[in-house]
Amino acid sequence: MRVISGKYRGHHLVDFKADNIRPTTDRVKETLFNKLMGRVEDARVLDLFSGTGNLAIECMSRGAAWVDLVENHRKSLGIIKENLSKLKINEGFKVFPIDAFKYIKEYSGEPYDLVIADPPFTQALADDLGKAIASSRLLGADTWVVIEASAQETVLENYGTLVRFDQRTFGDKHLNFFAPA
């Protein structure tokens, strides 16, 4: 697993195998960030279910103004810390060691420009996540939301005013892109 573009391009990240972690592959990550071209630089980004911090670090590498990482698995939090330390990233982010749904429900700050969510496939959370995000204070008028999901999971075309405008498929994985209508 490596950073594919920007300031930290080519740097390898710490990886590990576990049921709760399924890092986004370079191929999927390239497609994701090609679609997000021009939306990451100077953006306020939320990375839900951060896992190893792979997607958050890619956003930081590409010039995000601020990134919040939300992860509650202890081993994952250690990997995130190790990856940030390895790249000497010590500002421009905050790690929240909390359940993602609790974070979404309790959030009361400024809307994010970009929300990326990669929940564990083992728990089929994508549909519930879409509902929770749509009814939260995370969203502004121009916020994009990306939810990674298993091809077997239910992901609706819209969650209230949050409407899917694109979907990309990679084997058993879908990248779902949403924006407010």
N, C-alpha and C. Protein backbone atom coordinates (compact mmCIF):
# COMPACT_ATOMS: atom_id res chain seq x y z
N MET A 1 0.86 -1.16 0.00
CA MET A 1 0.00 0.00 0.00
C MET A 1 0.91 1.23 0.00
N ARG A 2 0.63 2.14 -0.93
CA ARG A 2 1.48 3.31 -1.07
C ARG A 2 0.64 4.55 -1.34
N VAL A 3 1.24 5.70 -1.15
CA VAL A 3 0.61 6.96 -1.50
C VAL A 3 0.84 7.15 -2.99
N ILE A 4 -0.23 7.42 -3.75
CA ILE A 4 -0.09 7.41 -5.21
C ILE A 4 0.16 8.78 -5.84
N SER A 5 -0.07 9.87 -5.10
CA SER A 5 0.14 11.18 -5.71
C SER A 5 0.38 12.23 -4.63
N GLY A 6 0.92 13.37 -5.08
CA GLY A 6 1.08 14.51 -4.18
C GLY A 6 2.38 14.50 -3.40
N LYS A 7 2.37 15.23 -2.31
CA LYS A 7 3.54 15.47 -1.48
C LYS A 7 4.23 14.19 -1.00
N TYR A 8 3.44 13.16 -0.67
CA TYR A 8 4.00 11.92 -0.13
C TYR A 8 4.01 10.79 -1.17
N ARG A 9 3.89 11.14 -2.43
CA ARG A 9 3.84 10.16 -3.52
C ARG A 9 4.96 9.13 -3.41
N GLY A 10 4.57 7.87 -3.60
CA GLY A 10 5.55 6.78 -3.61
C GLY A 10 5.89 6.22 -2.24
N HIS A 11 5.54 6.92 -1.17
CA HIS A 11 5.84 6.40 0.16
C HIS A 11 4.93 5.22 0.48
N HIS A 12 5.54 4.19 1.03
CA HIS A 12 4.78 2.99 1.41
C HIS A 12 4.23 3.16 2.82
N LEU A 13 3.02 2.67 3.01
CA LEU A 13 2.36 2.74 4.30
C LEU A 13 2.39 1.39 4.99
N VAL A 14 2.30 1.42 6.29
CA VAL A 14 2.23 0.20 7.09
C VAL A 14 0.90 -0.47 6.76
N ASP A 15 0.93 -1.74 6.58
CA ASP A 15 -0.26 -2.51 6.24
C ASP A 15 -0.33 -3.71 7.17
N PHE A 16 -1.53 -4.22 7.37
CA PHE A 16 -1.66 -5.48 8.09
C PHE A 16 -2.96 -6.14 7.72
N LYS A 17 -3.04 -7.42 7.95
CA LYS A 17 -4.24 -8.20 7.62
C LYS A 17 -5.07 -8.37 8.89
N ALA A 18 -6.37 -8.09 8.74
CA ALA A 18 -7.32 -8.29 9.84
C ALA A 18 -8.72 -8.26 9.26
N ASP A 19 -9.66 -8.87 9.95
CA ASP A 19 -11.05 -8.90 9.48
C ASP A 19 -11.65 -7.51 9.36
N ASN A 20 -11.21 -6.60 10.23
CA ASN A 20 -11.82 -5.27 10.24
C ASN A 20 -11.17 -4.32 9.23
N ILE A 21 -10.09 -4.75 8.57
CA ILE A 21 -9.37 -3.87 7.64
C ILE A 21 -9.30 -4.51 6.26
N ARG A 22 -9.67 -3.75 5.28
CA ARG A 22 -9.57 -4.14 3.89
C ARG A 22 -9.12 -2.90 3.14
N PRO A 23 -7.81 -2.61 3.16
CA PRO A 23 -7.32 -1.37 2.56
C PRO A 23 -7.74 -1.22 1.09
N THR A 24 -8.03 0.01 0.73
CA THR A 24 -8.38 0.33 -0.65
C THR A 24 -7.15 0.12 -1.53
N THR A 25 -7.30 -0.67 -2.58
CA THR A 25 -6.17 -0.97 -3.45
C THR A 25 -5.76 0.27 -4.25
N ASP A 26 -4.55 0.24 -4.77
CA ASP A 26 -4.06 1.37 -5.58
C ASP A 26 -4.97 1.62 -6.78
N ARG A 27 -5.45 0.58 -7.42
CA ARG A 27 -6.32 0.73 -8.60
C ARG A 27 -7.61 1.46 -8.24
N VAL A 28 -8.25 1.04 -7.16
CA VAL A 28 -9.49 1.68 -6.71
C VAL A 28 -9.19 3.11 -6.25
N LYS A 29 -8.09 3.28 -5.54
CA LYS A 29 -7.71 4.61 -5.05
C LYS A 29 -7.45 5.57 -6.21
N GLU A 30 -6.79 5.10 -7.26
CA GLU A 30 -6.55 5.96 -8.44
C GLU A 30 -7.86 6.40 -9.07
N THR A 31 -8.80 5.49 -9.22
CA THR A 31 -10.11 5.84 -9.78
C THR A 31 -10.83 6.82 -8.88
N LEU A 32 -10.82 6.56 -7.59
CA LEU A 32 -11.46 7.45 -6.62
C LEU A 32 -10.91 8.86 -6.73
N PHE A 33 -9.61 9.01 -6.70
CA PHE A 33 -9.02 10.34 -6.69
C PHE A 33 -9.04 11.01 -8.07
N ASN A 34 -9.10 10.23 -9.14
CA ASN A 34 -9.33 10.83 -10.46
C ASN A 34 -10.71 11.48 -10.49
N LYS A 35 -11.69 10.81 -9.91
CA LYS A 35 -13.05 11.35 -9.86
C LYS A 35 -13.10 12.60 -8.96
N LEU A 36 -12.28 12.61 -7.93
CA LEU A 36 -12.26 13.73 -6.97
C LEU A 36 -11.32 14.85 -7.40
N MET A 37 -10.73 14.73 -8.61
CA MET A 37 -9.77 15.72 -9.10
C MET A 37 -10.30 17.14 -8.89
N GLY A 38 -9.50 17.97 -8.25
CA GLY A 38 -9.87 19.35 -8.01
C GLY A 38 -10.74 19.58 -6.79
N ARG A 39 -11.17 18.50 -6.12
CA ARG A 39 -12.04 18.64 -4.96
C ARG A 39 -11.31 18.42 -3.64
N VAL A 40 -10.09 17.93 -3.68
CA VAL A 40 -9.36 17.59 -2.46
C VAL A 40 -8.50 18.76 -1.98
N GLU A 41 -7.81 19.42 -2.89
CA GLU A 41 -6.93 20.51 -2.51
C GLU A 41 -7.72 21.59 -1.77
N ASP A 42 -7.20 21.99 -0.60
CA ASP A 42 -7.80 23.01 0.27
C ASP A 42 -9.14 22.59 0.86
N ALA A 43 -9.50 21.33 0.78
CA ALA A 43 -10.80 20.85 1.28
C ALA A 43 -10.72 20.44 2.75
N ARG A 44 -11.87 20.51 3.41
CA ARG A 44 -12.07 19.92 4.74
C ARG A 44 -12.63 18.52 4.48
N VAL A 45 -11.88 17.50 4.91
CA VAL A 45 -12.21 16.12 4.58
C VAL A 45 -12.50 15.33 5.86
N LEU A 46 -13.50 14.46 5.76
CA LEU A 46 -13.80 13.51 6.83
C LEU A 46 -13.58 12.11 6.28
N ASP A 47 -12.75 11.33 6.97
CA ASP A 47 -12.50 9.93 6.61
C ASP A 47 -13.11 9.06 7.69
N LEU A 48 -14.27 8.46 7.39
CA LEU A 48 -14.96 7.58 8.33
C LEU A 48 -14.47 6.15 8.14
N PHE A 49 -14.32 5.42 9.23
CA PHE A 49 -13.77 4.06 9.20
C PHE A 49 -12.38 4.11 8.57
N SER A 50 -11.50 4.89 9.15
CA SER A 50 -10.19 5.21 8.57
C SER A 50 -9.27 4.02 8.37
N GLY A 51 -9.45 2.96 9.14
CA GLY A 51 -8.61 1.77 8.96
C GLY A 51 -7.14 2.07 9.19
N THR A 52 -6.34 2.07 8.14
CA THR A 52 -4.91 2.35 8.25
C THR A 52 -4.58 3.83 8.05
N GLY A 53 -5.59 4.62 7.68
CA GLY A 53 -5.37 6.03 7.37
C GLY A 53 -4.99 6.26 5.91
N ASN A 54 -5.03 5.21 5.12
CA ASN A 54 -4.64 5.23 3.71
C ASN A 54 -5.31 6.37 2.93
N LEU A 55 -6.64 6.48 2.99
CA LEU A 55 -7.35 7.49 2.20
C LEU A 55 -7.14 8.89 2.77
N ALA A 56 -7.11 9.01 4.08
CA ALA A 56 -6.86 10.31 4.71
C ALA A 56 -5.48 10.84 4.33
N ILE A 57 -4.48 9.97 4.37
CA ILE A 57 -3.11 10.37 4.03
C ILE A 57 -3.03 10.75 2.55
N GLU A 58 -3.74 10.04 1.70
CA GLU A 58 -3.78 10.41 0.28
C GLU A 58 -4.36 11.82 0.13
N CYS A 59 -5.41 12.13 0.90
CA CYS A 59 -5.99 13.48 0.85
C CYS A 59 -4.99 14.53 1.33
N MET A 60 -4.28 14.23 2.42
CA MET A 60 -3.26 15.16 2.93
C MET A 60 -2.16 15.36 1.90
N SER A 61 -1.76 14.28 1.26
CA SER A 61 -0.71 14.34 0.25
C SER A 61 -1.12 15.24 -0.92
N ARG A 62 -2.42 15.27 -1.20
CA ARG A 62 -2.94 16.04 -2.33
C ARG A 62 -3.39 17.44 -1.92
N GLY A 63 -3.03 17.88 -0.72
CA GLY A 63 -3.24 19.26 -0.33
C GLY A 63 -4.52 19.60 0.40
N ALA A 64 -5.18 18.60 1.00
CA ALA A 64 -6.37 18.90 1.79
C ALA A 64 -6.00 19.89 2.90
N ALA A 65 -6.88 20.85 3.18
CA ALA A 65 -6.62 21.84 4.22
C ALA A 65 -6.69 21.20 5.61
N TRP A 66 -7.61 20.25 5.79
CA TRP A 66 -7.80 19.60 7.09
C TRP A 66 -8.44 18.24 6.86
N VAL A 67 -8.03 17.25 7.64
CA VAL A 67 -8.63 15.91 7.56
C VAL A 67 -8.94 15.42 8.97
N ASP A 68 -10.19 15.00 9.17
CA ASP A 68 -10.58 14.32 10.40
C ASP A 68 -10.68 12.84 10.10
N LEU A 69 -10.00 12.02 10.91
CA LEU A 69 -10.03 10.57 10.77
C LEU A 69 -10.85 9.99 11.91
N VAL A 70 -11.82 9.16 11.60
CA VAL A 70 -12.69 8.55 12.61
C VAL A 70 -12.50 7.04 12.54
N GLU A 71 -12.04 6.47 13.65
CA GLU A 71 -11.77 5.04 13.73
C GLU A 71 -11.85 4.62 15.19
N ASN A 72 -12.51 3.50 15.48
CA ASN A 72 -12.60 3.07 16.88
C ASN A 72 -11.89 1.75 17.18
N HIS A 73 -11.31 1.12 16.18
CA HIS A 73 -10.60 -0.14 16.42
C HIS A 73 -9.18 0.17 16.91
N ARG A 74 -8.83 -0.39 18.06
CA ARG A 74 -7.55 -0.06 18.71
C ARG A 74 -6.33 -0.33 17.84
N LYS A 75 -6.31 -1.50 17.20
CA LYS A 75 -5.14 -1.83 16.37
C LYS A 75 -5.07 -0.88 15.16
N SER A 76 -6.22 -0.55 14.58
CA SER A 76 -6.24 0.39 13.46
C SER A 76 -5.71 1.75 13.88
N LEU A 77 -6.11 2.21 15.06
CA LEU A 77 -5.62 3.49 15.57
C LEU A 77 -4.09 3.49 15.68
N GLY A 78 -3.53 2.37 16.10
CA GLY A 78 -2.06 2.25 16.17
C GLY A 78 -1.42 2.33 14.80
N ILE A 79 -2.04 1.70 13.81
CA ILE A 79 -1.52 1.74 12.44
C ILE A 79 -1.61 3.16 11.87
N ILE A 80 -2.73 3.84 12.12
CA ILE A 80 -2.87 5.23 11.67
C ILE A 80 -1.75 6.08 12.26
N LYS A 81 -1.54 5.96 13.56
CA LYS A 81 -0.49 6.73 14.24
C LYS A 81 0.88 6.42 13.64
N GLU A 82 1.14 5.13 13.38
CA GLU A 82 2.42 4.72 12.81
C GLU A 82 2.60 5.29 11.40
N ASN A 83 1.55 5.25 10.58
CA ASN A 83 1.64 5.79 9.21
C ASN A 83 1.86 7.30 9.22
N LEU A 84 1.15 8.02 10.07
CA LEU A 84 1.33 9.48 10.16
C LEU A 84 2.75 9.81 10.63
N SER A 85 3.23 9.05 11.60
CA SER A 85 4.58 9.26 12.13
C SER A 85 5.64 8.94 11.06
N LYS A 86 5.44 7.85 10.35
CA LYS A 86 6.39 7.43 9.31
C LYS A 86 6.57 8.52 8.26
N LEU A 87 5.49 9.24 7.93
CA LEU A 87 5.55 10.31 6.93
C LEU A 87 5.81 11.68 7.55
N LYS A 88 6.00 11.68 8.87
CA LYS A 88 6.25 12.93 9.61
C LYS A 88 5.12 13.95 9.42
N ILE A 89 3.89 13.44 9.41
CA ILE A 89 2.71 14.30 9.35
C ILE A 89 2.28 14.57 10.79
N ASN A 90 2.38 15.81 11.22
CA ASN A 90 2.01 16.12 12.60
C ASN A 90 1.07 17.30 12.73
N GLU A 91 0.50 17.74 11.61
CA GLU A 91 -0.49 18.81 11.67
C GLU A 91 -1.45 18.67 10.49
N GLY A 92 -2.58 19.38 10.60
CA GLY A 92 -3.56 19.36 9.53
C GLY A 92 -4.56 18.22 9.63
N PHE A 93 -4.62 17.57 10.79
CA PHE A 93 -5.54 16.44 10.96
C PHE A 93 -5.89 16.28 12.44
N LYS A 94 -6.93 15.52 12.68
CA LYS A 94 -7.27 15.08 14.03
C LYS A 94 -7.85 13.68 13.93
N VAL A 95 -7.43 12.81 14.83
CA VAL A 95 -7.94 11.44 14.88
C VAL A 95 -8.97 11.36 16.00
N PHE A 96 -10.15 10.86 15.66
CA PHE A 96 -11.22 10.68 16.64
C PHE A 96 -11.39 9.19 16.91
N PRO A 97 -11.00 8.72 18.10
CA PRO A 97 -11.15 7.30 18.43
C PRO A 97 -12.57 7.01 18.92
N ILE A 98 -13.51 7.00 17.99
CA ILE A 98 -14.92 6.91 18.32
C ILE A 98 -15.64 6.13 17.23
N ASP A 99 -16.78 5.55 17.55
CA ASP A 99 -17.61 4.87 16.58
C ASP A 99 -18.08 5.88 15.52
N ALA A 100 -18.02 5.51 14.26
CA ALA A 100 -18.36 6.42 13.16
C ALA A 100 -19.81 6.92 13.26
N PHE A 101 -20.74 6.04 13.60
CA PHE A 101 -22.13 6.46 13.70
C PHE A 101 -22.35 7.44 14.85
N LYS A 102 -21.64 7.23 15.93
CA LYS A 102 -21.73 8.17 17.06
C LYS A 102 -21.16 9.54 16.64
N TYR A 103 -20.04 9.52 15.93
CA TYR A 103 -19.44 10.77 15.44
C TYR A 103 -20.43 11.52 14.54
N ILE A 104 -21.02 10.80 13.60
CA ILE A 104 -21.97 11.42 12.67
C ILE A 104 -23.14 12.04 13.43
N LYS A 105 -23.68 11.29 14.35
CA LYS A 105 -24.86 11.75 15.11
C LYS A 105 -24.56 12.97 15.95
N GLU A 106 -23.38 13.01 16.55
CA GLU A 106 -23.03 14.09 17.48
C GLU A 106 -22.35 15.28 16.83
N TYR A 107 -22.00 15.19 15.55
CA TYR A 107 -21.24 16.25 14.89
C TYR A 107 -22.05 17.54 14.80
N SER A 108 -21.40 18.65 15.17
CA SER A 108 -22.09 19.94 15.13
C SER A 108 -21.20 21.06 14.57
N GLY A 109 -20.10 20.70 13.94
CA GLY A 109 -19.18 21.70 13.41
C GLY A 109 -19.56 22.17 12.01
N GLU A 110 -18.61 22.79 11.35
CA GLU A 110 -18.80 23.26 9.97
C GLU A 110 -18.95 22.06 9.03
N PRO A 111 -19.72 22.21 7.97
CA PRO A 111 -19.85 21.11 7.00
C PRO A 111 -18.50 20.78 6.36
N TYR A 112 -18.35 19.54 5.98
CA TYR A 112 -17.16 19.09 5.27
C TYR A 112 -17.34 19.33 3.77
N ASP A 113 -16.22 19.44 3.06
CA ASP A 113 -16.24 19.52 1.61
C ASP A 113 -16.33 18.12 1.00
N LEU A 114 -15.74 17.15 1.71
CA LEU A 114 -15.67 15.78 1.21
C LEU A 114 -15.77 14.82 2.39
N VAL A 115 -16.63 13.82 2.24
CA VAL A 115 -16.77 12.75 3.24
C VAL A 115 -16.47 11.44 2.52
N ILE A 116 -15.48 10.71 3.02
CA ILE A 116 -15.13 9.40 2.46
C ILE A 116 -15.40 8.36 3.53
N ALA A 117 -16.15 7.32 3.17
CA ALA A 117 -16.49 6.27 4.13
C ALA A 117 -16.20 4.91 3.52
N ASP A 118 -15.40 4.14 4.23
CA ASP A 118 -15.05 2.79 3.79
C ASP A 118 -15.32 1.83 4.95
N PRO A 119 -16.62 1.56 5.22
CA PRO A 119 -16.95 0.69 6.35
C PRO A 119 -16.55 -0.75 6.10
N PRO A 120 -16.35 -1.51 7.16
CA PRO A 120 -15.97 -2.93 7.00
C PRO A 120 -17.04 -3.69 6.22
N PHE A 121 -16.64 -4.44 5.21
CA PHE A 121 -17.58 -5.24 4.43
C PHE A 121 -18.24 -6.30 5.29
N THR A 122 -17.54 -6.74 6.32
CA THR A 122 -18.07 -7.81 7.17
C THR A 122 -19.32 -7.40 7.92
N GLN A 123 -19.62 -6.10 7.95
CA GLN A 123 -20.77 -5.63 8.73
C GLN A 123 -21.90 -5.05 7.88
N ALA A 124 -21.77 -4.94 6.56
CA ALA A 124 -22.81 -4.43 5.66
C ALA A 124 -23.45 -3.15 6.21
N LEU A 125 -22.66 -2.10 6.33
CA LEU A 125 -23.11 -0.85 6.94
C LEU A 125 -23.42 0.26 5.94
N ALA A 126 -23.18 0.05 4.66
CA ALA A 126 -23.28 1.13 3.67
C ALA A 126 -24.64 1.81 3.65
N ASP A 127 -25.73 1.05 3.66
CA ASP A 127 -27.07 1.65 3.61
C ASP A 127 -27.34 2.48 4.87
N ASP A 128 -27.05 1.92 6.03
CA ASP A 128 -27.24 2.67 7.28
C ASP A 128 -26.37 3.92 7.30
N LEU A 129 -25.19 3.81 6.75
CA LEU A 129 -24.27 4.94 6.68
C LEU A 129 -24.83 6.05 5.79
N GLY A 130 -25.36 5.68 4.63
CA GLY A 130 -25.97 6.67 3.75
C GLY A 130 -27.09 7.42 4.45
N LYS A 131 -27.94 6.70 5.17
CA LYS A 131 -29.05 7.31 5.91
C LYS A 131 -28.52 8.25 6.99
N ALA A 132 -27.53 7.80 7.74
CA ALA A 132 -26.98 8.60 8.84
C ALA A 132 -26.33 9.89 8.32
N ILE A 133 -25.54 9.77 7.26
CA ILE A 133 -24.86 10.95 6.71
C ILE A 133 -25.89 11.95 6.17
N ALA A 134 -26.90 11.45 5.47
CA ALA A 134 -27.91 12.33 4.86
C ALA A 134 -28.67 13.15 5.90
N SER A 135 -28.83 12.61 7.10
CA SER A 135 -29.59 13.32 8.13
C SER A 135 -28.68 14.00 9.16
N SER A 136 -27.42 14.16 8.81
CA SER A 136 -26.44 14.73 9.75
C SER A 136 -26.12 16.19 9.41
N ARG A 137 -25.25 16.76 10.23
CA ARG A 137 -24.76 18.11 9.98
C ARG A 137 -23.41 18.11 9.27
N LEU A 138 -23.02 16.96 8.74
CA LEU A 138 -21.74 16.84 8.02
C LEU A 138 -21.78 17.56 6.68
N LEU A 139 -22.97 17.68 6.11
CA LEU A 139 -23.12 18.10 4.72
C LEU A 139 -23.36 19.59 4.55
N GLY A 140 -22.70 20.14 3.54
CA GLY A 140 -22.97 21.49 3.06
C GLY A 140 -23.60 21.38 1.68
N ALA A 141 -23.87 22.50 1.09
CA ALA A 141 -24.52 22.53 -0.22
C ALA A 141 -23.69 21.86 -1.32
N ASP A 142 -22.35 21.86 -1.17
CA ASP A 142 -21.47 21.31 -2.20
C ASP A 142 -20.67 20.08 -1.75
N THR A 143 -21.04 19.49 -0.64
CA THR A 143 -20.31 18.33 -0.12
C THR A 143 -20.48 17.12 -1.02
N TRP A 144 -19.38 16.47 -1.32
CA TRP A 144 -19.42 15.17 -1.99
C TRP A 144 -19.21 14.10 -0.94
N VAL A 145 -19.91 12.99 -1.11
CA VAL A 145 -19.79 11.84 -0.21
C VAL A 145 -19.44 10.62 -1.05
N VAL A 146 -18.45 9.88 -0.61
CA VAL A 146 -18.07 8.63 -1.28
C VAL A 146 -18.22 7.50 -0.27
N ILE A 147 -19.01 6.50 -0.63
CA ILE A 147 -19.19 5.33 0.23
C ILE A 147 -18.73 4.10 -0.54
N GLU A 148 -17.73 3.42 0.02
CA GLU A 148 -17.29 2.15 -0.55
C GLU A 148 -18.18 1.07 0.03
N ALA A 149 -18.57 0.11 -0.79
CA ALA A 149 -19.46 -0.95 -0.33
C ALA A 149 -19.23 -2.23 -1.12
N SER A 150 -19.59 -3.32 -0.50
CA SER A 150 -19.57 -4.60 -1.18
C SER A 150 -20.65 -4.60 -2.25
N ALA A 151 -20.42 -5.32 -3.33
CA ALA A 151 -21.42 -5.42 -4.40
C ALA A 151 -22.71 -6.07 -3.89
N GLN A 152 -22.65 -6.82 -2.80
CA GLN A 152 -23.83 -7.48 -2.24
C GLN A 152 -24.63 -6.56 -1.32
N GLU A 153 -24.08 -5.42 -0.96
CA GLU A 153 -24.77 -4.51 -0.04
C GLU A 153 -25.79 -3.65 -0.76
N THR A 154 -26.81 -3.25 -0.02
CA THR A 154 -27.79 -2.31 -0.53
C THR A 154 -27.25 -0.90 -0.40
N VAL A 155 -27.23 -0.20 -1.51
CA VAL A 155 -26.89 1.22 -1.53
C VAL A 155 -27.93 1.87 -2.44
N LEU A 156 -28.74 2.75 -1.86
CA LEU A 156 -29.84 3.38 -2.61
C LEU A 156 -29.32 4.46 -3.55
N GLU A 157 -30.18 4.84 -4.50
CA GLU A 157 -29.86 5.92 -5.42
C GLU A 157 -29.82 7.27 -4.71
N ASN A 158 -30.65 7.40 -3.67
CA ASN A 158 -30.63 8.64 -2.91
C ASN A 158 -31.04 8.38 -1.46
N TYR A 159 -30.53 9.24 -0.61
CA TYR A 159 -30.87 9.27 0.81
C TYR A 159 -31.35 10.69 1.09
N GLY A 160 -32.66 10.89 1.03
CA GLY A 160 -33.19 12.24 1.15
C GLY A 160 -32.68 13.08 0.00
N THR A 161 -32.04 14.19 0.31
CA THR A 161 -31.52 15.07 -0.75
C THR A 161 -30.11 14.68 -1.19
N LEU A 162 -29.54 13.65 -0.59
CA LEU A 162 -28.23 13.16 -0.99
C LEU A 162 -28.42 12.16 -2.13
N VAL A 163 -27.97 12.52 -3.33
CA VAL A 163 -28.26 11.75 -4.54
C VAL A 163 -26.98 11.16 -5.13
N ARG A 164 -27.04 9.87 -5.47
CA ARG A 164 -25.89 9.23 -6.11
C ARG A 164 -25.80 9.72 -7.55
N PHE A 165 -24.62 10.23 -7.93
CA PHE A 165 -24.42 10.70 -9.30
C PHE A 165 -23.45 9.84 -10.08
N ASP A 166 -22.81 8.88 -9.40
CA ASP A 166 -21.90 7.97 -10.11
C ASP A 166 -21.65 6.75 -9.24
N GLN A 167 -21.35 5.64 -9.91
CA GLN A 167 -20.95 4.42 -9.21
C GLN A 167 -19.91 3.72 -10.07
N ARG A 168 -18.83 3.29 -9.45
CA ARG A 168 -17.77 2.55 -10.15
C ARG A 168 -17.65 1.18 -9.48
N THR A 169 -17.45 0.15 -10.29
CA THR A 169 -17.40 -1.22 -9.79
C THR A 169 -16.02 -1.82 -10.02
N PHE A 170 -15.53 -2.50 -8.99
CA PHE A 170 -14.23 -3.18 -9.03
C PHE A 170 -14.43 -4.55 -8.40
N GLY A 171 -14.73 -5.55 -9.19
CA GLY A 171 -14.98 -6.88 -8.64
C GLY A 171 -16.14 -6.85 -7.67
N ASP A 172 -15.88 -7.14 -6.41
CA ASP A 172 -16.95 -7.17 -5.40
C ASP A 172 -17.11 -5.84 -4.67
N LYS A 173 -16.49 -4.77 -5.18
CA LYS A 173 -16.53 -3.47 -4.52
C LYS A 173 -17.17 -2.43 -5.41
N HIS A 174 -17.98 -1.55 -4.80
CA HIS A 174 -18.55 -0.40 -5.49
C HIS A 174 -18.07 0.88 -4.81
N LEU A 175 -17.73 1.86 -5.61
CA LEU A 175 -17.52 3.23 -5.13
C LEU A 175 -18.78 4.01 -5.50
N ASN A 176 -19.46 4.53 -4.49
CA ASN A 176 -20.70 5.28 -4.71
C ASN A 176 -20.45 6.74 -4.41
N PHE A 177 -20.73 7.59 -5.39
CA PHE A 177 -20.48 9.04 -5.27
C PHE A 177 -21.83 9.75 -5.12
N PHE A 178 -21.95 10.52 -4.06
CA PHE A 178 -23.19 11.24 -3.76
C PHE A 178 -22.90 12.75 -3.62
N ALA A 179 -23.95 13.55 -3.86
CA ALA A 179 -23.90 14.98 -3.62
C ALA A 179 -25.32 15.44 -3.31
N PRO A 180 -25.46 16.54 -2.55
CA PRO A 180 -26.80 17.06 -2.30
C PRO A 180 -27.45 17.53 -3.59
N ALA A 181 -28.75 17.26 -3.71
CA ALA A 181 -29.50 17.67 -4.92
C ALA A 181 -29.75 19.15 -4.91
